[in-house]
């Protein structure tokens, strides 16, 4: 009777290699495979830039706390106390009055 030897690392690796999970394919890769490379629309780039400006405003401590109030309320409070918040932030918020991504701070969905 032959005794079974324990599997070495290489043997285990070979067994596991046959059970690889398929990689998910991103939409960008699909378009590259199809011969079309999708590039973000100019308005998408502008939206991303605007959101970056708003996030920077959320992180700027010189304008006071940003938890529990909207971005516009925070901007107005900072303006009232002559903290000179960027006018661009107010303009961006007013351009998108119904979009929570623009009107609320980064932490509005957290129960703090």
N, C-alpha and C. Protein backbone atom coordinates (compact mmCIF):
# COMPACT_ATOMS: atom_id res chain seq x y z
N UNK A 1 0.82 -1.16 0.00
CA UNK A 1 0.00 0.00 0.00
C UNK A 1 0.88 1.25 0.00
N UNK A 2 0.61 2.16 -0.92
CA UNK A 2 1.42 3.36 -1.02
C UNK A 2 0.86 4.42 -0.08
N UNK A 3 1.75 5.10 0.60
CA UNK A 3 1.31 6.16 1.50
C UNK A 3 1.23 7.46 0.70
N UNK A 4 0.25 8.24 1.02
CA UNK A 4 0.06 9.49 0.30
C UNK A 4 0.96 10.56 0.91
N UNK A 5 1.73 11.19 0.08
CA UNK A 5 2.65 12.24 0.53
C UNK A 5 1.88 13.56 0.62
N UNK A 6 2.24 14.41 1.59
CA UNK A 6 1.59 15.71 1.67
C UNK A 6 1.92 16.54 0.42
N UNK A 7 0.97 17.36 0.04
CA UNK A 7 1.15 18.18 -1.15
C UNK A 7 2.19 19.26 -0.88
N UNK A 8 3.06 19.47 -1.84
CA UNK A 8 4.03 20.55 -1.71
C UNK A 8 3.36 21.86 -2.12
N UNK A 9 4.06 22.94 -1.91
CA UNK A 9 3.53 24.25 -2.29
C UNK A 9 3.23 24.30 -3.77
N UNK A 10 4.12 23.76 -4.59
CA UNK A 10 3.91 23.80 -6.04
C UNK A 10 2.66 23.01 -6.43
N UNK A 11 2.44 21.89 -5.80
CA UNK A 11 1.26 21.09 -6.13
C UNK A 11 -0.01 21.82 -5.73
N UNK A 12 -0.01 22.46 -4.59
CA UNK A 12 -1.18 23.21 -4.14
C UNK A 12 -1.43 24.38 -5.07
N UNK A 13 -0.37 25.02 -5.48
CA UNK A 13 -0.52 26.16 -6.37
C UNK A 13 -1.11 25.72 -7.70
N UNK A 14 -0.68 24.58 -8.21
CA UNK A 14 -1.21 24.10 -9.48
C UNK A 14 -2.69 23.76 -9.35
N UNK A 15 -3.07 23.17 -8.25
CA UNK A 15 -4.48 22.84 -8.05
C UNK A 15 -5.31 24.12 -7.99
N UNK A 16 -4.83 25.10 -7.26
CA UNK A 16 -5.55 26.36 -7.12
C UNK A 16 -5.60 27.15 -8.41
N UNK A 17 -4.63 26.96 -9.28
CA UNK A 17 -4.60 27.72 -10.53
C UNK A 17 -5.76 27.38 -11.42
N UNK A 18 -6.27 26.16 -11.31
CA UNK A 18 -7.39 25.77 -12.17
C UNK A 18 -8.71 26.37 -11.68
N UNK A 19 -8.72 26.92 -10.47
CA UNK A 19 -9.95 27.48 -9.92
C UNK A 19 -9.92 29.00 -9.88
N UNK A 20 -9.24 29.61 -10.80
CA UNK A 20 -9.17 31.07 -10.81
C UNK A 20 -10.53 31.66 -11.10
N UNK A 21 -10.80 32.77 -10.41
CA UNK A 21 -12.05 33.48 -10.67
C UNK A 21 -11.88 34.33 -11.91
N UNK A 22 -12.91 34.44 -12.71
CA UNK A 22 -12.80 35.31 -13.88
C UNK A 22 -12.72 36.77 -13.44
N UNK A 23 -11.90 37.51 -14.12
CA UNK A 23 -11.76 38.93 -13.80
C UNK A 23 -12.94 39.68 -14.37
N UNK A 24 -13.39 40.68 -13.62
CA UNK A 24 -14.48 41.49 -14.15
C UNK A 24 -13.89 42.44 -15.19
N UNK A 25 -14.67 42.73 -16.16
CA UNK A 25 -14.21 43.58 -17.26
C UNK A 25 -14.84 44.95 -17.10
N UNK A 26 -13.99 45.96 -17.07
CA UNK A 26 -14.50 47.32 -16.90
C UNK A 26 -15.08 47.82 -18.22
N UNK A 27 -16.00 48.76 -18.16
CA UNK A 27 -16.57 49.30 -19.40
C UNK A 27 -15.52 49.93 -20.30
N UNK A 28 -14.47 50.51 -19.69
CA UNK A 28 -13.41 51.11 -20.49
C UNK A 28 -12.70 50.05 -21.30
N UNK A 29 -12.43 48.89 -20.69
CA UNK A 29 -11.77 47.82 -21.43
C UNK A 29 -12.66 47.31 -22.55
N UNK A 30 -13.96 47.24 -22.29
CA UNK A 30 -14.86 46.77 -23.34
C UNK A 30 -14.81 47.71 -24.55
N UNK A 31 -14.80 48.98 -24.28
CA UNK A 31 -14.77 49.91 -25.42
C UNK A 31 -13.44 49.84 -26.14
N UNK A 32 -12.35 49.58 -25.42
CA UNK A 32 -11.05 49.45 -26.08
C UNK A 32 -11.04 48.20 -26.95
N UNK A 33 -11.64 47.12 -26.46
CA UNK A 33 -11.68 45.89 -27.23
C UNK A 33 -12.53 46.06 -28.49
N UNK A 34 -13.57 46.86 -28.38
CA UNK A 34 -14.44 47.08 -29.52
C UNK A 34 -13.87 48.10 -30.49
N UNK A 35 -12.76 48.70 -30.13
CA UNK A 35 -12.14 49.67 -31.01
C UNK A 35 -12.57 51.10 -30.74
N UNK A 36 -13.40 51.29 -29.74
CA UNK A 36 -13.83 52.64 -29.39
C UNK A 36 -13.28 52.97 -28.02
N UNK A 37 -12.59 54.04 -27.91
CA UNK A 37 -12.08 54.47 -26.61
C UNK A 37 -12.96 55.62 -26.15
N UNK A 38 -13.60 55.40 -25.02
CA UNK A 38 -14.50 56.45 -24.53
C UNK A 38 -13.70 57.44 -23.70
N UNK A 39 -13.90 58.69 -23.99
CA UNK A 39 -13.27 59.75 -23.22
C UNK A 39 -14.38 60.52 -22.52
N UNK A 40 -14.11 61.02 -21.33
CA UNK A 40 -15.15 61.76 -20.62
C UNK A 40 -15.60 62.98 -21.42
N UNK A 41 -16.88 63.24 -21.36
CA UNK A 41 -17.43 64.41 -22.02
C UNK A 41 -16.90 65.67 -21.33
N UNK A 42 -16.79 66.78 -22.05
CA UNK A 42 -16.29 68.02 -21.42
C UNK A 42 -17.09 68.44 -20.20
N UNK A 43 -18.43 68.24 -20.24
CA UNK A 43 -19.22 68.63 -19.08
C UNK A 43 -18.94 67.71 -17.89
N UNK A 44 -18.56 66.44 -18.15
CA UNK A 44 -18.18 65.55 -17.06
C UNK A 44 -16.89 66.02 -16.41
N UNK A 45 -15.95 66.46 -17.21
CA UNK A 45 -14.69 66.98 -16.67
C UNK A 45 -14.95 68.23 -15.84
N UNK A 46 -15.84 69.08 -16.32
CA UNK A 46 -16.16 70.31 -15.58
C UNK A 46 -16.87 69.96 -14.28
N UNK A 47 -17.77 68.99 -14.31
CA UNK A 47 -18.46 68.56 -13.09
C UNK A 47 -17.46 68.01 -12.08
N UNK A 48 -16.51 67.22 -12.54
CA UNK A 48 -15.48 66.67 -11.65
C UNK A 48 -14.64 67.79 -11.05
N UNK A 49 -14.33 68.80 -11.85
CA UNK A 49 -13.54 69.94 -11.36
C UNK A 49 -14.34 70.70 -10.29
N UNK A 50 -15.62 70.92 -10.55
CA UNK A 50 -16.46 71.63 -9.59
C UNK A 50 -16.57 70.86 -8.27
N UNK A 51 -16.74 69.56 -8.36
CA UNK A 51 -16.83 68.76 -7.14
C UNK A 51 -15.51 68.79 -6.38
N UNK A 52 -14.40 68.82 -7.09
CA UNK A 52 -13.10 68.92 -6.43
C UNK A 52 -12.98 70.25 -5.68
N UNK A 53 -13.47 71.32 -6.28
CA UNK A 53 -13.45 72.63 -5.61
C UNK A 53 -14.29 72.58 -4.34
N UNK A 54 -15.47 71.96 -4.43
CA UNK A 54 -16.34 71.87 -3.26
C UNK A 54 -15.74 70.99 -2.16
N UNK A 55 -15.09 69.91 -2.55
CA UNK A 55 -14.44 69.05 -1.55
C UNK A 55 -13.31 69.79 -0.84
N UNK A 56 -12.56 70.58 -1.61
CA UNK A 56 -11.50 71.38 -1.00
C UNK A 56 -12.09 72.38 0.00
N UNK A 57 -13.23 72.95 -0.34
CA UNK A 57 -13.93 73.85 0.58
C UNK A 57 -14.36 73.12 1.84
N UNK A 58 -14.86 71.89 1.69
CA UNK A 58 -15.26 71.08 2.85
C UNK A 58 -14.07 70.82 3.79
N UNK A 59 -12.91 70.62 3.21
CA UNK A 59 -11.73 70.30 4.02
C UNK A 59 -11.04 71.54 4.61
N UNK A 60 -11.35 72.71 4.10
CA UNK A 60 -10.69 73.93 4.57
C UNK A 60 -11.25 74.34 5.93
N UNK A 61 -10.42 74.25 6.94
CA UNK A 61 -10.87 74.55 8.31
C UNK A 61 -11.04 76.05 8.56
N UNK A 62 -10.44 76.88 7.74
CA UNK A 62 -10.50 78.32 7.98
C UNK A 62 -11.90 78.91 7.78
N UNK A 63 -12.83 78.14 7.21
CA UNK A 63 -14.20 78.63 7.00
C UNK A 63 -15.16 78.08 8.05
N UNK A 64 -14.65 77.46 9.07
CA UNK A 64 -15.49 76.95 10.14
C UNK A 64 -15.91 75.51 9.91
N UNK A 65 -16.61 74.94 10.89
CA UNK A 65 -17.04 73.54 10.78
C UNK A 65 -18.03 73.34 9.64
N UNK A 66 -17.98 72.16 9.04
CA UNK A 66 -18.86 71.88 7.90
C UNK A 66 -19.83 70.74 8.18
N UNK A 67 -19.86 70.28 9.40
CA UNK A 67 -20.75 69.16 9.75
C UNK A 67 -22.08 69.71 10.25
N UNK A 68 -23.15 69.16 9.71
CA UNK A 68 -24.48 69.53 10.17
C UNK A 68 -25.13 70.67 9.43
N UNK A 69 -24.44 71.28 8.48
CA UNK A 69 -25.03 72.37 7.69
C UNK A 69 -24.70 72.15 6.21
N UNK A 70 -25.47 72.79 5.37
CA UNK A 70 -25.22 72.67 3.94
C UNK A 70 -24.00 73.51 3.56
N UNK A 71 -23.50 73.27 2.37
CA UNK A 71 -22.35 74.04 1.90
C UNK A 71 -22.69 75.52 1.78
N UNK A 72 -23.89 75.82 1.29
CA UNK A 72 -24.27 77.22 1.13
C UNK A 72 -24.39 77.91 2.48
N UNK A 73 -24.97 77.22 3.48
CA UNK A 73 -25.05 77.80 4.83
C UNK A 73 -23.66 78.06 5.38
N UNK A 74 -22.75 77.13 5.16
CA UNK A 74 -21.38 77.31 5.64
C UNK A 74 -20.71 78.47 4.92
N UNK A 75 -20.93 78.56 3.61
CA UNK A 75 -20.34 79.66 2.84
C UNK A 75 -20.87 81.00 3.35
N UNK A 76 -22.20 81.08 3.56
CA UNK A 76 -22.80 82.34 4.04
C UNK A 76 -22.31 82.70 5.44
N UNK A 77 -22.16 81.69 6.31
CA UNK A 77 -21.65 81.96 7.65
C UNK A 77 -20.22 82.48 7.59
N UNK A 78 -19.40 81.85 6.75
CA UNK A 78 -18.01 82.31 6.60
C UNK A 78 -17.97 83.73 6.04
N UNK A 79 -18.87 84.04 5.12
CA UNK A 79 -18.93 85.39 4.55
C UNK A 79 -19.37 86.39 5.61
N UNK A 80 -20.33 86.01 6.46
CA UNK A 80 -20.81 86.88 7.53
C UNK A 80 -19.68 87.25 8.49
N UNK A 81 -18.81 86.29 8.76
CA UNK A 81 -17.69 86.53 9.67
C UNK A 81 -16.44 87.03 8.96
N UNK A 82 -16.60 87.49 7.72
CA UNK A 82 -15.51 88.06 6.92
C UNK A 82 -14.32 87.11 6.80
N UNK A 83 -14.61 85.83 6.57
CA UNK A 83 -13.54 84.84 6.38
C UNK A 83 -13.18 84.68 4.91
N UNK A 84 -13.83 85.45 4.05
CA UNK A 84 -13.54 85.49 2.62
C UNK A 84 -13.57 84.12 1.94
N UNK A 85 -14.73 83.45 2.00
CA UNK A 85 -14.82 82.16 1.28
C UNK A 85 -14.78 82.40 -0.23
N UNK A 86 -14.32 81.44 -1.00
CA UNK A 86 -14.22 81.64 -2.45
C UNK A 86 -15.60 81.84 -3.08
N UNK A 87 -15.72 82.87 -3.89
CA UNK A 87 -16.99 83.15 -4.57
C UNK A 87 -17.34 82.01 -5.53
N UNK A 88 -16.34 81.35 -6.07
CA UNK A 88 -16.58 80.24 -6.99
C UNK A 88 -17.39 79.13 -6.32
N UNK A 89 -17.15 78.89 -5.05
CA UNK A 89 -17.89 77.84 -4.32
C UNK A 89 -19.37 78.18 -4.30
N UNK A 90 -19.70 79.41 -3.98
CA UNK A 90 -21.11 79.84 -3.95
C UNK A 90 -21.73 79.71 -5.34
N UNK A 91 -21.01 80.13 -6.35
CA UNK A 91 -21.52 80.05 -7.73
C UNK A 91 -21.80 78.61 -8.14
N UNK A 92 -20.90 77.70 -7.79
CA UNK A 92 -21.09 76.28 -8.13
C UNK A 92 -22.31 75.72 -7.42
N UNK A 93 -22.46 76.05 -6.15
CA UNK A 93 -23.61 75.55 -5.39
C UNK A 93 -24.91 76.06 -5.98
N UNK A 94 -24.95 77.33 -6.35
CA UNK A 94 -26.17 77.91 -6.90
C UNK A 94 -26.49 77.41 -8.30
N UNK A 95 -25.50 76.90 -9.02
CA UNK A 95 -25.74 76.33 -10.35
C UNK A 95 -26.45 74.97 -10.25
N UNK A 96 -26.32 74.29 -9.11
CA UNK A 96 -26.89 72.95 -8.92
C UNK A 96 -27.71 72.90 -7.63
N UNK A 97 -28.81 73.66 -7.55
CA UNK A 97 -29.53 73.75 -6.27
C UNK A 97 -30.25 72.47 -5.84
N UNK A 98 -30.50 71.56 -6.77
CA UNK A 98 -31.26 70.35 -6.42
C UNK A 98 -30.40 69.10 -6.35
N UNK A 99 -29.10 69.24 -6.51
CA UNK A 99 -28.20 68.08 -6.53
C UNK A 99 -27.45 68.01 -5.20
N UNK A 100 -27.74 66.97 -4.40
CA UNK A 100 -27.11 66.84 -3.09
C UNK A 100 -25.59 66.73 -3.17
N UNK A 101 -25.10 66.23 -4.29
CA UNK A 101 -23.65 66.11 -4.46
C UNK A 101 -23.00 67.49 -4.43
N UNK A 102 -23.75 68.52 -4.80
CA UNK A 102 -23.22 69.88 -4.81
C UNK A 102 -23.64 70.69 -3.59
N UNK A 103 -24.83 70.45 -3.07
CA UNK A 103 -25.34 71.30 -1.99
C UNK A 103 -24.91 70.86 -0.60
N UNK A 104 -24.69 69.56 -0.42
CA UNK A 104 -24.34 69.05 0.92
C UNK A 104 -22.86 68.75 1.02
N UNK A 105 -22.33 68.85 2.23
CA UNK A 105 -20.91 68.59 2.44
C UNK A 105 -20.60 67.10 2.32
N UNK A 106 -19.35 66.78 2.36
CA UNK A 106 -18.93 65.38 2.25
C UNK A 106 -19.51 64.51 3.37
N UNK A 107 -19.79 65.11 4.50
CA UNK A 107 -20.19 64.34 5.68
C UNK A 107 -21.68 64.39 5.96
N UNK A 108 -22.50 64.81 5.02
CA UNK A 108 -23.93 64.96 5.30
C UNK A 108 -24.63 63.64 5.54
N UNK A 109 -24.11 62.54 4.99
CA UNK A 109 -24.78 61.25 5.16
C UNK A 109 -24.34 60.49 6.41
N UNK A 110 -23.36 61.04 7.13
CA UNK A 110 -22.87 60.39 8.35
C UNK A 110 -23.62 60.93 9.55
N UNK A 111 -23.97 60.07 10.47
CA UNK A 111 -24.62 60.48 11.70
C UNK A 111 -23.55 60.83 12.73
N UNK A 112 -23.14 62.06 12.69
CA UNK A 112 -22.06 62.50 13.60
C UNK A 112 -22.64 63.39 14.67
